[in-house]
């Protein structure tokens, strides 16, 4: 079977959200509530289908809608969210010890 559950990254998830809402990526952070920036159920369904096609088996409409915070979505959906989040935030890389 497939070796990677998902090929999604933090940047990809945020990029997809920004694209579907037609807003700059810079307006979306880990603490952003996607409902507050205009994501509706139809667009969420589109994102879920896109992410499932990319291999995100945990992309579940109900679960994502129940906790609409970007950081939660990244932790749930990204193949390896910790390094991407750390490098994006400029954090140290030796936190995994």
Protein backbone atom coordinates (compact mmCIF):
# COMPACT_ATOMS: atom_id res chain seq x y z
CA UNK A 1 0.00 0.00 0.00
CA UNK A 2 1.00 3.66 0.08
CA UNK A 3 3.97 4.58 2.25
CA UNK A 4 2.83 8.14 2.95
CA UNK A 5 -0.59 8.76 4.43
CA UNK A 6 -0.54 12.27 3.14
CA UNK A 7 1.55 14.49 0.94
CA UNK A 8 0.16 17.64 2.51
CA UNK A 9 2.40 20.18 4.17
CA UNK A 10 1.65 23.17 6.39
CA UNK A 11 2.40 25.49 3.50
CA UNK A 12 0.17 23.49 1.16
CA UNK A 13 -2.76 23.47 3.57
CA UNK A 14 -2.52 27.20 4.20
CA UNK A 15 -2.01 27.83 0.49
CA UNK A 16 -5.13 25.86 -0.37
CA UNK A 17 -7.17 27.76 2.22
CA UNK A 18 -5.87 31.10 0.92
CA UNK A 19 -6.58 30.10 -2.67
CA UNK A 20 -10.15 29.00 -2.03
CA UNK A 21 -10.88 32.17 -0.03
CA UNK A 22 -8.95 34.39 -2.44
CA UNK A 23 -6.92 36.02 0.31
CA UNK A 24 -3.16 36.42 0.81
CA UNK A 25 -1.38 33.52 2.53
CA UNK A 26 0.07 36.03 5.00
CA UNK A 27 -3.39 36.57 6.48
CA UNK A 28 -3.54 32.98 7.70
CA UNK A 29 -1.67 31.72 10.76
CA UNK A 30 -1.80 28.65 12.95
CA UNK A 31 -4.26 30.34 15.31
CA UNK A 32 -6.61 31.47 12.52
CA UNK A 33 -10.21 30.32 12.79
CA UNK A 34 -11.16 29.61 9.18
CA UNK A 35 -14.80 30.40 9.83
CA UNK A 36 -13.81 33.91 10.90
CA UNK A 37 -12.07 34.53 7.58
CA UNK A 38 -14.99 33.35 5.45
CA UNK A 39 -14.69 29.60 4.95
CA UNK A 40 -18.14 28.09 4.49
CA UNK A 41 -19.28 24.48 4.31
CA UNK A 42 -19.21 24.32 0.50
CA UNK A 43 -15.61 25.51 0.34
CA UNK A 44 -14.66 23.20 3.21
CA UNK A 45 -16.09 20.27 1.24
CA UNK A 46 -13.94 21.31 -1.73
CA UNK A 47 -10.84 21.42 0.47
CA UNK A 48 -11.61 18.02 1.98
CA UNK A 49 -11.95 16.47 -1.47
CA UNK A 50 -8.71 18.12 -2.62
CA UNK A 51 -6.86 16.89 0.45
CA UNK A 52 -8.26 13.37 0.21
CA UNK A 53 -7.08 13.24 -3.39
CA UNK A 54 -3.63 14.23 -2.10
CA UNK A 55 -3.68 11.28 0.30
CA UNK A 56 -4.94 12.87 3.51
CA UNK A 57 -6.97 9.98 4.85
CA UNK A 58 -7.84 11.96 7.99
CA UNK A 59 -9.51 14.73 5.99
CA UNK A 60 -12.97 14.48 7.53
CA UNK A 61 -15.54 17.21 6.98
CA UNK A 62 -17.20 16.90 10.39
CA UNK A 63 -13.92 16.70 12.33
CA UNK A 64 -12.43 19.71 10.55
CA UNK A 65 -15.61 21.77 10.91
CA UNK A 66 -15.78 20.99 14.63
CA UNK A 67 -12.30 22.46 15.24
CA UNK A 68 -11.77 25.12 12.56
CA UNK A 69 -8.33 26.30 13.70
CA UNK A 70 -5.57 26.14 11.06
CA UNK A 71 -2.91 24.78 13.43
CA UNK A 72 -5.18 21.91 14.42
CA UNK A 73 -5.81 21.09 10.78
CA UNK A 74 -2.08 21.13 10.04
CA UNK A 75 -1.32 18.77 12.93
CA UNK A 76 -4.10 16.45 11.80
CA UNK A 77 -3.50 16.49 8.04
CA UNK A 78 0.15 17.20 7.31
CA UNK A 79 2.48 14.29 6.62
CA UNK A 80 5.11 15.76 8.96
CA UNK A 81 3.79 18.99 10.50
CA UNK A 82 6.42 19.59 13.19
CA UNK A 83 9.45 20.40 10.99
CA UNK A 84 7.39 22.58 8.66
CA UNK A 85 5.83 24.51 11.51
CA UNK A 86 9.17 24.95 13.27
CA UNK A 87 10.98 26.17 10.17
CA UNK A 88 8.14 28.49 9.23
CA UNK A 89 8.17 30.04 12.68
CA UNK A 90 11.95 30.25 12.77
CA UNK A 91 12.04 28.03 15.86
CA UNK A 92 14.93 25.84 16.82
CA UNK A 93 15.19 22.51 15.09
CA UNK A 94 16.37 20.43 18.04
CA UNK A 95 13.09 20.35 19.93
CA UNK A 96 12.58 16.63 19.25
CA UNK A 97 15.08 15.41 21.88
